[in-house]
Amino acid sequence: MTAWSRERPTVSGYYWLRDGTAVLLVQIDIGTFDAFYHETVRWHGSNKETRLSSIDGEWQGPLEPKE
């Protein structure tokens, strides 16, 4: 796992997001679907979804599974 960074993620995976008020677990999905490039963020345990470019904060990840 990487240190906290203000640079937005560039690969899909689970990340910690620190937005100044809380630390949240989010899923980042980056790729192409039906010929459209997309970057979405889904909040863990919620149906909330938004564009990655609309979020300011610090990121840590992607999280790696442990044995």
Protein backbone atom coordinates (compact mmCIF):
# COMPACT_ATOMS: atom_id res chain seq x y z
CA MET A 1 0.00 0.00 0.00
CA THR A 2 1.16 3.49 -0.76
CA ALA A 3 1.40 6.51 1.52
CA TRP A 4 -1.33 9.19 1.51
CA SER A 5 -1.31 11.17 -1.73
CA ARG A 6 -3.37 14.00 -3.26
CA GLU A 7 -2.99 12.40 -6.71
CA ARG A 8 -6.12 10.61 -7.83
CA PRO A 9 -5.88 6.85 -8.41
CA THR A 10 -5.02 5.65 -11.92
CA VAL A 11 -5.88 1.94 -11.52
CA SER A 12 -9.03 0.18 -10.37
CA GLY A 13 -9.21 -1.20 -6.84
CA TYR A 14 -10.15 -0.43 -3.25
CA TYR A 15 -8.71 2.72 -1.70
CA TRP A 16 -8.88 4.72 1.49
CA LEU A 17 -10.15 8.26 0.92
CA ARG A 18 -9.42 10.95 3.50
CA ASP A 19 -11.52 14.05 2.79
CA GLY A 20 -10.77 16.20 5.83
CA THR A 21 -13.72 15.00 7.92
CA ALA A 22 -13.51 11.21 7.65
CA VAL A 23 -11.57 8.27 6.27
CA LEU A 24 -13.71 6.16 3.94
CA LEU A 25 -13.26 2.92 2.03
CA VAL A 26 -14.13 3.35 -1.65
CA GLN A 27 -13.96 1.23 -4.80
CA ILE A 28 -12.45 2.85 -7.89
CA ASP A 29 -13.45 1.55 -11.32
CA ILE A 30 -11.37 2.87 -14.23
CA GLY A 31 -11.76 1.56 -17.74
CA THR A 32 -13.75 1.48 -20.95
CA PHE A 33 -17.35 0.32 -21.21
CA ASP A 34 -19.28 0.44 -24.51
CA ALA A 35 -16.46 2.55 -26.03
CA PHE A 36 -16.74 5.20 -23.28
CA TYR A 37 -13.88 5.81 -20.85
CA HIS A 38 -15.05 6.09 -17.26
CA GLU A 39 -13.64 6.73 -13.79
CA THR A 40 -16.15 6.09 -11.02
CA VAL A 41 -16.01 5.93 -7.25
CA ARG A 42 -18.38 3.73 -5.21
CA TRP A 43 -18.68 4.15 -1.46
CA HIS A 44 -18.30 0.86 0.42
CA GLY A 45 -21.64 -0.36 1.81
CA SER A 46 -23.63 2.15 -0.21
CA ASN A 47 -25.15 2.59 -3.66
CA LYS A 48 -23.59 6.06 -3.88
CA GLU A 49 -21.47 6.53 -6.98
CA THR A 50 -19.74 9.59 -8.46
CA ARG A 51 -17.02 10.60 -10.89
CA LEU A 52 -13.46 10.37 -9.64
CA SER A 53 -12.63 13.82 -11.01
CA SER A 54 -15.23 15.43 -8.72
CA ILE A 55 -13.57 14.27 -5.47
CA ASP A 56 -10.87 16.19 -3.65
CA GLY A 57 -9.01 14.49 -0.86
CA GLU A 58 -6.09 12.23 -0.06
CA TRP A 59 -5.87 8.69 -1.31
CA GLN A 60 -4.11 5.57 -0.05
CA GLY A 61 -4.04 2.33 -2.00
CA PRO A 62 -4.86 0.26 -3.83
CA LEU A 63 -5.44 -2.11 -0.93
CA GLU A 64 -3.78 -5.49 -1.38
CA PRO A 65 -5.26 -8.72 -0.01
CA LYS A 66 -3.25 -10.48 2.70
CA GLU A 67 -3.10 -14.19 3.38
